[in-house]
Amino acid sequence: MATSLARVLLVCAVLASAACAKKEAASAPPLPMGSEGAACAYGCNEGLSCTPISNVCGKPDHPEHTVKRQADAERERAYLAQSGVQPPAHAEQPPVPPPAALPVTTDGSMAVPAATGAVRVVRASTGGKSPWVFAACRADERLVGGGCTPAKGNWSAIPGHLSGESATDTVGARWNCGWREATHDQAIEAFAMCQRL
């Protein structure tokens, strides 16, 4: 009898301490708007930005920002590879001078360069794994047009725009499709028309 009474008292003490801890946690003052760790519904203070998953204000080294940067860099490499562009591919690179001799391809044949003015259509797809995609021209090509194609006839409005151009030219530029900061993934294809210089 004394043992069961001791057990009941012990259980009551544990439950009471848990209830007190919960009450203290619930009564903690909210974080100031815009500060680190605060909900970012009304914006974040300078030096902080909204995290993509938990939607709190975080520093640039916040784990969610780090993961997003790594995912964006991986997508960048994949889209450049689909576009036939070797990284690093920075817009407005000077045109590559023609080689002294024709390069040899991986199968041992001679690679014949495209004629000046030839247009190459470049396509890149998200594969349903990203809300944005781009098709890039090489440093010796000028972007002369582009567009976006949603998958499976889903003709919702998908924004498209070019980037990487200078004020006077579109050498080495890209055609972008979708919403880079969106959180939903969808199947989108970007295409760019790249004209050889």
Protein backbone atom coordinates (compact mmCIF):
# COMPACT_ATOMS: atom_id res chain seq x y z
CA MET A 1 0.00 0.00 0.00
CA ALA A 2 2.78 2.43 0.91
CA THR A 3 4.62 1.49 -2.29
CA SER A 4 1.63 2.20 -4.52
CA LEU A 5 1.01 5.50 -2.70
CA ALA A 6 4.65 6.44 -3.31
CA ARG A 7 4.25 5.59 -7.01
CA VAL A 8 1.12 7.74 -7.28
CA LEU A 9 2.92 10.67 -5.61
CA LEU A 10 5.91 10.23 -7.93
CA VAL A 11 3.67 10.21 -11.04
CA CYS A 12 1.86 13.32 -9.79
CA ALA A 13 5.16 15.12 -9.20
CA VAL A 14 6.40 14.27 -12.70
CA LEU A 15 3.15 15.41 -14.32
CA ALA A 16 3.11 18.63 -12.29
CA SER A 17 6.67 19.51 -13.32
CA ALA A 18 5.87 18.79 -16.98
CA ALA A 19 2.79 21.02 -16.77
CA CYS A 20 4.87 23.83 -15.23
CA ALA A 21 7.51 23.53 -17.94
CA LYS A 22 4.82 23.64 -20.64
CA LYS A 23 3.24 26.71 -19.02
CA GLU A 24 6.64 28.46 -18.87
CA ALA A 25 7.33 27.63 -22.54
CA ALA A 26 3.89 28.87 -23.56
CA SER A 27 4.36 32.13 -21.67
CA ALA A 28 7.76 32.91 -23.25
CA PRO A 29 7.60 36.30 -25.00
CA PRO A 30 7.42 36.16 -28.81
CA LEU A 31 10.49 37.11 -30.79
CA PRO A 32 10.52 40.67 -32.21
CA MET A 33 9.27 40.84 -35.81
CA GLY A 34 12.06 40.47 -38.32
CA SER A 35 14.61 39.13 -35.82
CA GLU A 36 16.49 35.85 -36.21
CA GLY A 37 14.15 32.91 -35.58
CA ALA A 38 10.98 35.02 -35.86
CA ALA A 39 8.29 34.21 -38.41
CA CYS A 40 9.07 36.07 -41.62
CA ALA A 41 5.48 36.90 -42.62
CA TYR A 42 6.23 40.63 -42.26
CA GLY A 43 9.80 40.55 -43.57
CA CYS A 44 13.20 40.09 -41.98
CA ASN A 45 15.74 42.53 -40.60
CA GLU A 46 18.81 43.46 -42.63
CA GLY A 47 21.23 40.58 -43.04
CA LEU A 48 18.47 37.98 -42.56
CA SER A 49 16.22 36.29 -45.11
CA CYS A 50 13.24 33.96 -44.98
CA THR A 51 14.11 30.26 -44.81
CA PRO A 52 12.44 28.19 -47.55
CA ILE A 53 10.92 25.48 -45.34
CA SER A 54 10.32 26.73 -41.78
CA ASN A 55 9.61 30.33 -42.92
CA VAL A 56 11.62 32.01 -40.18
CA CYS A 57 14.21 34.77 -40.49
CA GLY A 58 17.68 33.27 -40.74
CA LYS A 59 21.27 34.28 -41.43
CA PRO A 60 22.88 33.28 -44.75
CA ASP A 61 24.55 30.29 -43.04
CA HIS A 62 21.20 28.90 -41.78
CA PRO A 63 21.05 25.17 -42.72
CA GLU A 64 17.95 25.66 -44.90
CA HIS A 65 19.66 28.41 -46.91
CA THR A 66 22.78 26.24 -47.29
CA VAL A 67 20.76 23.27 -48.58
CA LYS A 68 18.89 25.53 -51.03
CA ARG A 69 22.12 27.03 -52.38
CA GLN A 70 23.56 23.54 -52.92
CA ALA A 71 20.38 22.38 -54.70
CA ASP A 72 20.41 25.52 -56.90
CA ALA A 73 24.08 24.93 -57.80
CA GLU A 74 23.32 21.32 -58.74
CA ARG A 75 20.41 22.43 -60.94
CA GLU A 76 22.67 25.06 -62.52
CA ARG A 77 25.21 22.37 -63.47
CA ALA A 78 22.46 20.09 -64.83
CA TYR A 79 20.87 22.84 -66.97
CA LEU A 80 24.26 23.91 -68.33
CA ALA A 81 25.00 20.29 -69.25
CA GLN A 82 21.60 19.96 -70.99
CA SER A 83 22.39 23.19 -72.87
CA GLY A 84 25.76 21.85 -74.02
CA VAL A 85 27.64 24.57 -72.13
CA GLN A 86 30.79 23.74 -70.19
CA PRO A 87 30.96 25.36 -66.72
CA PRO A 88 31.93 27.84 -65.61
CA ALA A 89 29.59 29.64 -67.98
CA HIS A 90 29.38 33.31 -67.21
CA ALA A 91 27.41 35.56 -69.47
CA GLU A 92 29.27 37.98 -71.66
CA GLN A 93 32.40 35.87 -71.93
CA PRO A 94 34.52 36.96 -74.90
CA PRO A 95 34.02 34.76 -77.98
CA VAL A 96 36.32 31.75 -78.07
CA PRO A 97 38.95 32.17 -80.81
CA PRO A 98 38.82 29.45 -83.49
CA PRO A 99 41.32 26.63 -82.89
CA ALA A 100 44.31 26.21 -85.17
CA ALA A 101 43.12 22.73 -86.07
CA LEU A 102 39.74 21.06 -85.85
CA PRO A 103 39.25 19.34 -82.49
CA VAL A 104 38.94 15.58 -82.31
CA THR A 105 35.71 14.20 -80.80
CA THR A 106 35.50 11.32 -78.34
CA ASP A 107 34.91 8.81 -81.15
CA GLY A 108 38.10 9.93 -82.95
CA SER A 109 36.40 11.86 -85.77
CA MET A 110 37.13 15.51 -86.53
CA ALA A 111 34.60 17.96 -85.09
CA VAL A 112 33.32 20.35 -87.72
CA PRO A 113 32.51 23.73 -86.19
CA ALA A 114 29.14 25.33 -86.87
CA ALA A 115 29.12 28.01 -89.51
CA THR A 116 28.87 31.64 -88.47
CA GLY A 117 25.20 32.57 -88.25
CA ALA A 118 24.02 29.00 -87.70
CA VAL A 119 21.24 28.75 -85.12
CA ARG A 120 21.26 25.99 -82.50
CA VAL A 121 18.08 25.28 -80.53
CA VAL A 122 18.97 24.49 -76.92
CA ARG A 123 16.50 22.71 -74.64
CA ALA A 124 16.66 22.09 -70.89
CA SER A 125 14.01 20.47 -68.69
CA THR A 126 13.29 20.39 -64.96
CA GLY A 127 12.17 16.77 -65.16
CA GLY A 128 9.47 17.77 -62.66
CA LYS A 129 12.07 18.41 -59.96
CA SER A 130 12.29 22.21 -59.87
CA PRO A 131 10.08 25.29 -60.21
CA TRP A 132 12.56 26.93 -62.65
CA VAL A 133 14.84 26.05 -65.54
CA PHE A 134 17.04 27.83 -68.08
CA ALA A 135 18.54 27.11 -71.49
CA ALA A 136 21.96 28.74 -71.99
CA CYS A 137 23.91 29.87 -75.04
CA ARG A 138 27.66 29.35 -75.24
CA ALA A 139 30.18 32.18 -75.02
CA ASP A 140 30.50 32.12 -78.83
CA GLU A 141 26.73 32.30 -79.39
CA ARG A 142 24.16 35.09 -79.21
CA LEU A 143 20.69 34.47 -77.74
CA VAL A 144 18.19 35.45 -80.45
CA GLY A 145 14.99 34.04 -78.93
CA GLY A 146 13.52 31.62 -76.45
CA GLY A 147 10.43 30.33 -74.73
CA CYS A 148 8.91 28.04 -72.12
CA THR A 149 6.91 24.86 -72.56
CA PRO A 150 4.92 23.42 -69.65
CA ALA A 151 4.65 19.64 -69.58
CA LYS A 152 1.59 17.57 -70.45
CA GLY A 153 -0.44 20.42 -71.92
CA ASN A 154 -0.52 22.36 -68.66
CA TRP A 155 -0.60 25.76 -70.33
CA SER A 156 -0.69 27.83 -67.18
CA ALA A 157 1.16 31.11 -67.41
CA ILE A 158 4.86 30.38 -66.94
CA PRO A 159 7.02 33.50 -66.88
CA GLY A 160 10.02 33.58 -69.18
CA HIS A 161 12.79 36.12 -69.56
CA LEU A 162 16.36 36.41 -70.75
CA SER A 163 19.29 37.10 -68.43
CA GLY A 164 23.02 37.57 -68.63
CA GLU A 165 22.89 40.03 -71.49
CA SER A 166 24.79 43.29 -71.51
CA ALA A 167 23.18 46.59 -72.35
CA THR A 168 24.14 46.12 -75.99
CA ASP A 169 24.23 42.36 -76.70
CA THR A 170 23.00 38.89 -75.69
CA VAL A 171 26.22 36.91 -76.16
CA GLY A 172 26.30 33.97 -73.74
CA ALA A 173 22.85 34.83 -72.35
CA ARG A 174 20.15 32.46 -71.03
CA TRP A 175 16.42 32.01 -71.44
CA ASN A 176 14.83 31.48 -67.99
CA CYS A 177 11.44 29.88 -67.26
CA GLY A 178 9.45 29.51 -64.07
CA TRP A 179 9.73 30.85 -60.56
CA ARG A 180 13.19 30.48 -59.00
CA GLU A 181 11.94 31.27 -55.47
CA ALA A 182 8.81 29.07 -55.67
CA THR A 183 8.50 26.06 -53.40
CA HIS A 184 6.48 23.78 -55.71
CA ASP A 185 8.15 21.68 -58.39
CA GLN A 186 6.75 21.24 -61.85
CA ALA A 187 7.76 19.93 -65.25
CA ILE A 188 8.89 22.84 -67.43
CA GLU A 189 11.09 22.98 -70.51
CA ALA A 190 13.05 26.06 -71.55
CA PHE A 191 14.32 26.53 -75.05
CA ALA A 192 16.75 29.08 -76.46
CA MET A 193 17.77 29.89 -80.00
CA CYS A 194 21.52 30.48 -80.01
CA GLN A 195 23.17 31.97 -83.07
CA ARG A 196 26.85 31.25 -83.74
CA LEU A 197 29.06 34.36 -83.91
